[in-house]
Amino acid sequence: MRLEILSEAAEDLLNGYHFYERQALNLGSYFLDSLYSDIDSLLVYAGVHRIVYGKHRSLSKRFPYAIYYSVEAETIRVHAVLDCRRNPSWIRSHLRKA
């Protein structure tokens, strides 16, 4: 299996990093470490997560974020990494673009 983080998801991660870094020093780095660990776990658990808005959704263990991904042949594609506190209609709209 191969893991691919699309540019939209990388931008979502960067936005989350900046948000948490404004909250406390080094919290942004902890956020990225945690989310990348959750994304890496997809190499083992890809495909077992519930499908939400047309994509598999894995919930982060430490932050209120969801990882939206698809499994295609031998590739896991991460489409978005979104804050679960957002309005569900905004999440649905964001995923249509991803």
Protein backbone atom coordinates (compact mmCIF):
# COMPACT_ATOMS: atom_id res chain seq x y z
CA MET A 1 0.00 0.00 0.00
CA ARG A 2 1.05 3.53 -0.77
CA LEU A 3 -0.10 6.63 1.11
CA GLU A 4 -0.74 9.88 -0.78
CA ILE A 5 -1.69 13.15 0.92
CA LEU A 6 -3.33 15.43 -1.64
CA SER A 7 -2.45 19.12 -1.68
CA GLU A 8 -5.88 20.09 -0.25
CA ALA A 9 -5.29 17.84 2.77
CA ALA A 10 -1.76 19.23 3.22
CA GLU A 11 -3.26 22.72 3.26
CA ASP A 12 -5.83 21.59 5.87
CA LEU A 13 -2.98 20.31 8.05
CA LEU A 14 -1.10 23.58 7.69
CA ASN A 15 -4.22 25.57 8.66
CA GLY A 16 -4.66 23.38 11.75
CA TYR A 17 -1.00 23.83 12.64
CA HIS A 18 -1.33 27.63 12.52
CA PHE A 19 -4.54 27.57 14.56
CA TYR A 20 -3.03 25.48 17.36
CA GLU A 21 0.30 27.31 17.30
CA ARG A 22 -1.61 30.54 18.04
CA GLN A 23 -3.19 28.81 21.06
CA ALA A 24 0.10 27.76 22.71
CA LEU A 25 3.75 27.50 21.77
CA ASN A 26 4.59 24.11 20.17
CA LEU A 27 0.97 22.95 20.25
CA GLY A 28 0.95 23.24 16.44
CA SER A 29 3.89 20.85 16.20
CA TYR A 30 2.15 18.42 18.55
CA PHE A 31 -0.95 18.69 16.36
CA LEU A 32 1.03 17.78 13.22
CA ASP A 33 2.83 14.89 14.96
CA SER A 34 -0.50 13.51 16.18
CA LEU A 35 -2.29 13.86 12.85
CA TYR A 36 0.58 12.36 10.85
CA SER A 37 0.56 9.42 13.27
CA ASP A 38 -3.18 9.01 12.67
CA ILE A 39 -2.61 9.20 8.90
CA ASP A 40 0.21 6.63 9.09
CA SER A 41 -2.16 4.24 10.88
CA LEU A 42 -4.21 4.13 7.67
CA LEU A 43 -1.52 1.86 6.23
CA VAL A 44 -2.85 -0.78 8.64
CA TYR A 45 -6.53 0.19 9.03
CA ALA A 46 -7.48 1.67 5.64
CA GLY A 47 -10.97 0.79 4.53
CA VAL A 48 -12.40 -0.17 7.93
CA HIS A 49 -13.73 3.30 8.72
CA ARG A 50 -17.27 4.44 8.12
CA ILE A 51 -18.04 6.24 4.86
CA VAL A 52 -19.21 9.82 5.41
CA TYR A 53 -19.96 12.21 2.53
CA GLY A 54 -18.58 9.67 0.05
CA LYS A 55 -15.17 9.19 1.73
CA HIS A 56 -13.88 6.98 4.53
CA ARG A 57 -13.61 9.00 7.75
CA SER A 58 -11.04 8.27 10.44
CA LEU A 59 -11.24 10.32 13.64
CA SER A 60 -8.05 11.66 15.19
CA LYS A 61 -7.18 10.24 18.60
CA ARG A 62 -6.04 13.52 20.20
CA PHE A 63 -7.66 16.40 18.34
CA PRO A 64 -11.24 17.00 17.12
CA TYR A 65 -10.25 16.35 13.51
CA ALA A 66 -11.36 13.83 10.90
CA ILE A 67 -9.24 12.39 8.11
CA TYR A 68 -11.24 11.83 4.92
CA TYR A 69 -9.65 9.34 2.54
CA SER A 70 -10.30 6.84 -0.24
CA VAL A 71 -8.71 3.51 -1.08
CA GLU A 72 -8.01 2.98 -4.77
CA ALA A 73 -6.14 -0.15 -5.87
CA GLU A 74 -2.87 0.00 -3.89
CA THR A 75 -3.12 3.69 -2.95
CA ILE A 76 -4.65 5.40 0.07
CA ARG A 77 -5.50 8.99 -0.86
CA VAL A 78 -6.04 11.51 1.94
CA HIS A 79 -8.44 14.10 0.53
CA ALA A 80 -9.03 16.31 3.56
CA VAL A 81 -8.18 16.72 7.25
CA LEU A 82 -10.99 18.75 8.78
CA ASP A 83 -12.02 20.11 12.15
CA CYS A 84 -15.13 18.20 13.32
CA ARG A 85 -16.44 21.36 14.98
CA ARG A 86 -17.12 22.92 11.57
CA ASN A 87 -20.64 23.16 10.20
CA PRO A 88 -21.52 19.82 8.51
CA SER A 89 -22.71 21.61 5.37
CA TRP A 90 -19.30 23.35 5.14
CA ILE A 91 -17.55 19.97 5.50
CA ARG A 92 -19.73 18.44 2.77
CA SER A 93 -19.02 21.38 0.48
CA HIS A 94 -15.27 21.23 1.19
CA LEU A 95 -15.18 17.51 0.38
CA ARG A 96 -16.90 18.04 -2.97
CA LYS A 97 -13.98 20.27 -3.97
CA ALA A 98 -11.34 17.81 -2.71
